[in-house]
């Protein structure tokens, strides 16, 4: 896989070095991507390995870790590098309080005795030419977590805004005629009313609003609607 394709697909899985077009990524594609990362000599790409796994967990994707490990022959340097990446990713996700893809925790157990605590040192050596900074790995994952939390907060605010808008429209429709509701919303949004609308608002709509704002009326509504 070319570097451009790696960068593109990493972006689709939450590790954006560029802004990719919105497309779904299949679980088989993720396995292929993770296997390709082991071959990459671009450390910025390899640092995205834990981010990809975190994103897969968030999406509820089921990865075939046996198929992933089978991409590289046992006891080869590439297989060892892959095992270390899976181990350090699992440990990082645990430390940062992030979910792991189903099966990752079990897979990493067999590597723990083999490699120990790979995050204990400042550098994780994957092979003779590739070494990763544990600090950079942790910071990269934290940036992803922060971006994800911001995205969640934004979606929640939008959802709450839509819910409030729906409730407002529903109750206004219960209390006012369509024309009266239109004028209430125009007034609420600061839109100008023509002369006829102003007169109608003052004569009909405003009186209803004043009644709704009356404390005794609110007490009755609260008592009877409970």
Protein backbone atom coordinates (compact mmCIF):
# COMPACT_ATOMS: atom_id res chain seq x y z
CA UNK A 1 0.00 0.00 0.00
CA UNK A 2 1.38 3.40 -0.98
CA UNK A 3 1.99 6.04 1.67
CA UNK A 4 -0.81 8.22 0.25
CA UNK A 5 -3.24 5.32 0.63
CA UNK A 6 -2.06 4.68 4.19
CA UNK A 7 -2.55 8.36 5.10
CA UNK A 8 -5.99 8.40 3.49
CA UNK A 9 -7.19 5.24 5.23
CA UNK A 10 -5.77 6.29 8.59
CA UNK A 11 -7.82 9.47 8.34
CA UNK A 12 -10.94 7.41 7.76
CA UNK A 13 -10.16 5.64 11.03
CA UNK A 14 -9.72 8.72 13.20
CA UNK A 15 -6.00 9.47 12.73
CA UNK A 16 -6.21 12.40 10.35
CA UNK A 17 -3.07 13.69 8.72
CA UNK A 18 -5.33 14.84 5.90
CA UNK A 19 -9.11 15.28 5.71
CA UNK A 20 -10.50 12.19 3.96
CA UNK A 21 -13.84 11.90 2.23
CA UNK A 22 -16.54 10.29 4.36
CA UNK A 23 -16.65 6.57 3.64
CA UNK A 24 -17.23 3.50 5.72
CA UNK A 25 -14.24 1.25 6.33
CA UNK A 26 -14.75 -2.51 6.45
CA UNK A 27 -13.24 -4.69 9.16
CA UNK A 28 -11.15 -6.59 6.59
CA UNK A 29 -9.76 -3.27 5.37
CA UNK A 30 -8.77 -2.35 8.92
CA UNK A 31 -6.87 -5.64 9.32
CA UNK A 32 -5.07 -4.96 6.06
CA UNK A 33 -4.26 -1.40 7.13
CA UNK A 34 -2.84 -2.47 10.51
CA UNK A 35 -0.68 -5.09 8.81
CA UNK A 36 0.59 -2.45 6.38
CA UNK A 37 1.55 -0.11 9.21
CA UNK A 38 4.10 -2.65 10.42
CA UNK A 39 5.96 -2.24 7.12
CA UNK A 40 5.92 1.55 7.20
CA UNK A 41 9.09 3.44 8.06
CA UNK A 42 7.14 6.66 8.54
CA UNK A 43 6.92 6.97 12.33
CA UNK A 44 4.00 9.41 12.17
CA UNK A 45 1.94 6.74 10.47
CA UNK A 46 2.98 3.96 12.84
CA UNK A 47 2.09 6.17 15.82
CA UNK A 48 -1.51 6.00 14.61
CA UNK A 49 -1.74 2.26 15.36
CA UNK A 50 -3.34 2.72 18.84
CA UNK A 51 -5.64 5.45 17.48
CA UNK A 52 -6.99 3.09 14.81
CA UNK A 53 -7.74 0.44 17.44
CA UNK A 54 -9.43 3.01 19.70
CA UNK A 55 -11.57 4.17 16.80
CA UNK A 56 -12.51 0.60 15.90
CA UNK A 57 -13.61 0.00 19.50
CA UNK A 58 -15.71 3.17 19.44
CA UNK A 59 -17.41 2.01 16.25
CA UNK A 60 -18.03 -1.47 17.65
CA UNK A 61 -15.97 -3.15 14.93
CA UNK A 62 -14.95 -6.78 15.43
CA UNK A 63 -11.40 -7.28 14.19
CA UNK A 64 -9.98 -10.68 13.31
CA UNK A 65 -6.72 -10.52 15.26
CA UNK A 66 -5.80 -14.07 14.25
CA UNK A 67 -5.99 -13.04 10.60
CA UNK A 68 -3.96 -9.91 11.38
CA UNK A 69 -1.18 -11.90 13.06
CA UNK A 70 -1.20 -14.40 10.19
CA UNK A 71 -0.18 -11.58 7.83
CA UNK A 72 3.41 -11.98 9.12
CA UNK A 73 5.18 -15.26 9.71
CA UNK A 74 5.95 -16.27 13.33
CA UNK A 75 9.36 -15.35 14.76
CA UNK A 76 10.07 -12.83 12.00
CA UNK A 77 10.99 -9.23 12.79
CA UNK A 78 7.73 -7.97 11.29
CA UNK A 79 5.68 -10.39 13.38
CA UNK A 80 7.49 -9.28 16.53
CA UNK A 81 6.89 -5.63 15.63
CA UNK A 82 3.18 -6.34 15.15
CA UNK A 83 2.98 -8.14 18.48
CA UNK A 84 4.64 -5.21 20.23
CA UNK A 85 2.26 -2.74 18.58
CA UNK A 86 -0.75 -4.75 19.72
CA UNK A 87 0.66 -5.01 23.24
CA UNK A 88 1.54 -1.33 23.62
CA UNK A 89 -1.80 -0.30 22.08
CA UNK A 90 -3.75 -2.41 24.54
CA UNK A 91 -1.76 -1.04 27.49
CA UNK A 92 -2.14 2.56 26.26
CA UNK A 93 -5.89 2.23 25.79
CA UNK A 94 -6.19 0.84 29.30
CA UNK A 95 -4.07 3.64 30.79
CA UNK A 96 -6.09 6.32 28.98
CA UNK A 97 -9.42 4.79 29.98
CA UNK A 98 -10.46 4.05 26.40
CA UNK A 99 -12.35 1.00 25.17
CA UNK A 100 -10.51 -1.75 23.33
CA UNK A 101 -11.72 -3.77 20.34
CA UNK A 102 -13.17 -7.11 21.39
CA UNK A 103 -10.43 -9.74 21.65
CA UNK A 104 -7.46 -7.38 21.96
CA UNK A 105 -7.10 -7.91 25.71
CA UNK A 106 -6.92 -11.68 25.22
CA UNK A 107 -4.48 -11.44 22.33
CA UNK A 108 -2.06 -9.23 24.23
CA UNK A 109 -1.81 -11.61 27.22
CA UNK A 110 0.47 -13.99 25.33
CA UNK A 111 2.75 -11.07 24.43
CA UNK A 112 3.02 -9.67 27.95
CA UNK A 113 5.30 -12.47 29.20
CA UNK A 114 7.28 -12.29 25.99
CA UNK A 115 7.99 -8.54 25.90
CA UNK A 116 7.12 -7.30 29.39
CA UNK A 117 6.01 -3.71 29.96
CA UNK A 118 6.88 -2.14 26.62
CA UNK A 119 5.73 1.30 27.80
CA UNK A 120 8.07 1.36 30.80
CA UNK A 121 10.92 2.85 28.76
CA UNK A 122 11.07 6.09 26.81
CA UNK A 123 11.38 4.19 23.54
CA UNK A 124 9.73 1.07 22.14
CA UNK A 125 12.04 -0.66 19.66
CA UNK A 126 10.07 -2.47 16.99
CA UNK A 127 13.05 -3.57 14.89
CA UNK A 128 16.60 -2.53 14.02
CA UNK A 129 15.40 0.58 12.16
CA UNK A 130 12.15 1.53 13.88
CA UNK A 131 11.76 2.90 17.43
CA UNK A 132 8.75 4.74 18.82
CA UNK A 133 8.68 7.35 21.57
CA UNK A 134 6.26 6.28 24.30
CA UNK A 135 5.59 9.94 25.08
CA UNK A 136 4.64 10.66 21.47
CA UNK A 137 2.42 7.57 21.37
CA UNK A 138 0.62 8.67 24.51
CA UNK A 139 0.23 12.29 23.36
CA UNK A 140 -1.06 11.20 19.96
CA UNK A 141 -3.71 9.03 21.58
CA UNK A 142 -4.66 11.82 23.99
CA UNK A 143 -5.13 14.24 21.10
CA UNK A 144 -7.46 11.74 19.51
CA UNK A 145 -9.37 11.33 22.79
CA UNK A 146 -9.69 15.10 23.14
CA UNK A 147 -10.95 15.48 19.56
CA UNK A 148 -13.42 12.65 20.08
CA UNK A 149 -14.74 14.23 23.30
CA UNK A 150 -15.14 17.60 21.57
CA UNK A 151 -17.02 15.90 18.74
CA UNK A 152 -19.28 14.12 21.22
CA UNK A 153 -20.00 17.38 23.06
CA UNK A 154 -20.85 19.12 19.79
CA UNK A 155 -23.21 16.32 18.76
CA UNK A 156 -24.86 16.40 22.19
CA UNK A 157 -25.40 20.16 22.00
CA UNK A 158 -26.94 19.81 18.55
CA UNK A 159 -29.15 16.97 19.74
CA UNK A 160 -30.31 19.00 22.76
CA UNK A 161 -30.97 22.00 20.55
CA UNK A 162 -33.09 19.91 18.17
CA UNK A 163 -35.02 18.41 21.10
CA UNK A 164 -35.77 21.84 22.56
CA UNK A 165 -36.85 23.13 19.16
CA UNK A 166 -39.18 20.17 18.69
CA UNK A 167 -40.72 20.66 22.14
CA UNK A 168 -41.18 24.39 21.56
CA UNK A 169 -42.92 23.83 18.23
CA UNK A 170 -45.09 21.08 19.68
CA UNK A 171 -46.34 23.14 22.64
CA UNK A 172 -46.80 26.30 20.57
CA UNK A 173 -48.92 24.30 18.14
CA UNK A 174 -51.02 23.11 21.10
CA UNK A 175 -51.63 26.62 22.39
CA UNK A 176 -51.77 28.77 19.26
CA UNK A 177 -53.27 28.64 15.80
CA UNK A 178 -50.76 28.22 12.93
CA UNK A 179 -50.84 31.95 12.17
CA UNK A 180 -50.40 32.89 15.84
CA UNK A 181 -47.55 30.40 16.21
CA UNK A 182 -45.85 31.93 13.16
CA UNK A 183 -46.01 35.38 14.72
CA UNK A 184 -44.70 34.13 18.06
CA UNK A 185 -41.67 32.56 16.36
CA UNK A 186 -41.05 35.65 14.22
CA UNK A 187 -41.15 37.85 17.30
CA UNK A 188 -38.93 35.43 19.22
CA UNK A 189 -36.34 35.41 16.43
CA UNK A 190 -36.32 39.18 16.10
CA UNK A 191 -37.92 39.21 12.66
CA UNK A 192 -39.88 42.35 11.72
CA UNK A 193 -43.69 42.27 11.64
CA UNK A 194 -45.72 44.29 9.19
CA UNK A 195 -48.46 46.63 10.39
CA UNK A 196 -51.24 44.03 10.13
CA UNK A 197 -49.16 41.42 11.97
CA UNK A 198 -48.28 43.89 14.73
CA UNK A 199 -51.92 44.73 15.29
CA UNK A 200 -52.97 41.09 15.32
CA UNK A 201 -50.11 40.16 17.66
CA UNK A 202 -51.04 42.93 20.09
CA UNK A 203 -54.77 42.16 19.95
CA UNK A 204 -54.73 38.35 20.12
CA UNK A 205 -51.33 36.73 20.65
CA UNK A 206 -49.93 39.00 23.33
CA UNK A 207 -52.97 38.42 25.56
CA UNK A 208 -52.41 34.66 25.44
CA UNK A 209 -48.73 35.11 26.25
CA UNK A 210 -49.58 37.34 29.20
CA UNK A 211 -52.00 34.69 30.47
CA UNK A 212 -49.33 32.00 30.15
CA UNK A 213 -46.90 34.17 32.09
CA UNK A 214 -49.32 34.69 34.97
CA UNK A 215 -48.00 33.06 38.14
CA UNK A 216 -51.42 31.77 39.22
CA UNK A 217 -51.99 30.16 35.83
CA UNK A 218 -48.57 28.50 36.03
CA UNK A 219 -49.41 27.14 39.49
CA UNK A 220 -52.65 25.64 38.18
CA UNK A 221 -50.87 24.12 35.18
CA UNK A 222 -48.17 22.64 37.39
CA UNK A 223 -50.70 21.17 39.81
CA UNK A 224 -53.01 19.67 37.20
CA UNK A 225 -50.38 18.45 34.72
CA UNK A 226 -48.37 16.52 37.34
